[in-house]
Amino acid sequence: MTIPTLDDERFDRLITLRDAYRIMERFVQSYRERGDIPISDFLDCYASETSGGRTTDPAAPDDFAEAAIRVLEKR
């Protein structure tokens, strides 16, 4: 199993700032729906980038990519 990173080609797509905002909104909403930790901890412990394009939680890149698909398919 390969651990996804922000260097994955899925993150090479150019989008508008409007789309970026909507994707982040969906990303956070999905996270909150799972009933996990407070949003401040989410930003630090889940979505933060570490070395080599990795995130503090290996699931975050896939979750963000899924949010992007949902938002961009609605356009």
C-alpha atoms as a PDB file:
ATOM      1  CA  MET A   1       0.000   0.000   0.000  1.00  0.00           C
ATOM      2  CA  THR A   2       1.351   3.398  -0.998  1.00  0.00           C
ATOM      3  CA  ILE A   3       0.860   6.250   1.444  1.00  0.00           C
ATOM      4  CA  PRO A   4      -0.664   9.165  -0.486  1.00  0.00           C
ATOM      5  CA  THR A   5       1.216  12.459  -0.481  1.00  0.00           C
ATOM      6  CA  LEU A   6       0.579  15.954  -1.758  1.00  0.00           C
ATOM      7  CA  ASP A   7       3.122  15.187  -4.505  1.00  0.00           C
ATOM      8  CA  ASP A   8       0.573  12.816  -6.095  1.00  0.00           C
ATOM      9  CA  GLU A   9      -0.406  13.868  -9.627  1.00  0.00           C
ATOM     10  CA  ARG A  10      -4.022  14.359  -8.489  1.00  0.00           C
ATOM     11  CA  PHE A  11      -2.836  17.583  -6.863  1.00  0.00           C
ATOM     12  CA  ASP A  12      -1.383  19.013 -10.087  1.00  0.00           C
ATOM     13  CA  ARG A  13      -4.765  20.209 -11.387  1.00  0.00           C
ATOM     14  CA  LEU A  14      -5.243  23.975 -11.573  1.00  0.00           C
ATOM     15  CA  ILE A  15      -8.490  25.294 -10.112  1.00  0.00           C
ATOM     16  CA  THR A  16      -9.982  28.670  -9.265  1.00  0.00           C
ATOM     17  CA  LEU A  17      -9.813  30.130  -5.782  1.00  0.00           C
ATOM     18  CA  ARG A  18     -13.614  29.775  -5.697  1.00  0.00           C
ATOM     19  CA  ASP A  19     -13.328  26.052  -6.310  1.00  0.00           C
ATOM     20  CA  ALA A  20     -10.493  25.770  -3.788  1.00  0.00           C
ATOM     21  CA  TYR A  21     -12.677  27.386  -1.143  1.00  0.00           C
ATOM     22  CA  ARG A  22     -15.605  25.089  -1.903  1.00  0.00           C
ATOM     23  CA  ILE A  23     -13.357  22.039  -1.863  1.00  0.00           C
ATOM     24  CA  MET A  24     -11.899  22.990   1.527  1.00  0.00           C
ATOM     25  CA  GLU A  25     -15.419  23.601   2.826  1.00  0.00           C
ATOM     26  CA  ARG A  26     -16.486  20.118   1.680  1.00  0.00           C
ATOM     27  CA  PHE A  27     -13.279  18.575   3.061  1.00  0.00           C
ATOM     28  CA  VAL A  28     -13.889  20.067   6.511  1.00  0.00           C
ATOM     29  CA  GLN A  29     -17.596  19.216   6.413  1.00  0.00           C
ATOM     30  CA  SER A  30     -16.855  15.557   5.675  1.00  0.00           C
ATOM     31  CA  TYR A  31     -14.374  15.451   8.518  1.00  0.00           C
ATOM     32  CA  ARG A  32     -16.823  17.031  10.975  1.00  0.00           C
ATOM     33  CA  GLU A  33     -19.591  14.616   9.927  1.00  0.00           C
ATOM     34  CA  ARG A  34     -17.435  11.758  11.208  1.00  0.00           C
ATOM     35  CA  GLY A  35     -17.522  13.347  14.679  1.00  0.00           C
ATOM     36  CA  ASP A  36     -13.775  13.450  15.099  1.00  0.00           C
ATOM     37  CA  ILE A  37     -11.737  16.062  16.966  1.00  0.00           C
ATOM     38  CA  PRO A  38     -12.445  19.830  17.118  1.00  0.00           C
ATOM     39  CA  ILE A  39     -11.640  21.917  14.042  1.00  0.00           C
ATOM     40  CA  SER A  40      -8.535  23.522  15.586  1.00  0.00           C
ATOM     41  CA  ASP A  41      -7.044  20.086  16.201  1.00  0.00           C
ATOM     42  CA  PHE A  42      -8.144  19.023  12.726  1.00  0.00           C
ATOM     43  CA  LEU A  43      -6.068  21.763  11.127  1.00  0.00           C
ATOM     44  CA  ASP A  44      -2.986  20.913  13.164  1.00  0.00           C
ATOM     45  CA  CYS A  45      -3.202  17.134  13.607  1.00  0.00           C
ATOM     46  CA  TYR A  46      -4.946  16.016  10.429  1.00  0.00           C
ATOM     47  CA  ALA A  47      -4.388  18.395   7.550  1.00  0.00           C
ATOM     48  CA  SER A  48      -0.920  19.798   8.273  1.00  0.00           C
ATOM     49  CA  GLU A  49       1.813  19.073   5.770  1.00  0.00           C
ATOM     50  CA  THR A  50       5.035  17.462   6.949  1.00  0.00           C
ATOM     51  CA  SER A  51       8.198  16.665   4.995  1.00  0.00           C
ATOM     52  CA  GLY A  52       8.089  15.054   1.582  1.00  0.00           C
ATOM     53  CA  GLY A  53       4.537  16.152   0.789  1.00  0.00           C
ATOM     54  CA  ARG A  54       3.094  13.942   3.505  1.00  0.00           C
ATOM     55  CA  THR A  55       0.322  15.044   5.829  1.00  0.00           C
ATOM     56  CA  THR A  56       0.114  14.398   9.546  1.00  0.00           C
ATOM     57  CA  ASP A  57      -2.715  11.950   8.836  1.00  0.00           C
ATOM     58  CA  PRO A  58      -2.084   9.740   5.787  1.00  0.00           C
ATOM     59  CA  ALA A  59      -5.821   9.717   4.949  1.00  0.00           C
ATOM     60  CA  ALA A  60      -6.007  13.494   4.456  1.00  0.00           C
ATOM     61  CA  PRO A  61      -4.809  13.638   0.803  1.00  0.00           C
ATOM     62  CA  ASP A  62      -7.354  11.019  -0.285  1.00  0.00           C
ATOM     63  CA  ASP A  63     -10.107  12.742   1.678  1.00  0.00           C
ATOM     64  CA  PHE A  64      -9.248  16.079   0.079  1.00  0.00           C
ATOM     65  CA  ALA A  65      -9.118  14.552  -3.409  1.00  0.00           C
ATOM     66  CA  GLU A  66     -12.563  13.018  -2.816  1.00  0.00           C
ATOM     67  CA  ALA A  67     -13.913  16.410  -1.737  1.00  0.00           C
ATOM     68  CA  ALA A  68     -12.463  17.927  -4.914  1.00  0.00           C
ATOM     69  CA  ILE A  69     -14.164  15.328  -7.086  1.00  0.00           C
ATOM     70  CA  ARG A  70     -17.525  16.007  -5.426  1.00  0.00           C
ATOM     71  CA  VAL A  71     -17.238  19.777  -5.820  1.00  0.00           C
ATOM     72  CA  LEU A  72     -15.831  19.824  -9.342  1.00  0.00           C
ATOM     73  CA  GLU A  73     -18.366  17.314 -10.676  1.00  0.00           C
ATOM     74  CA  LYS A  74     -21.181  19.684  -9.610  1.00  0.00           C
ATOM     75  CA  ARG A  75     -19.902  22.509 -11.846  1.00  0.00           C
END
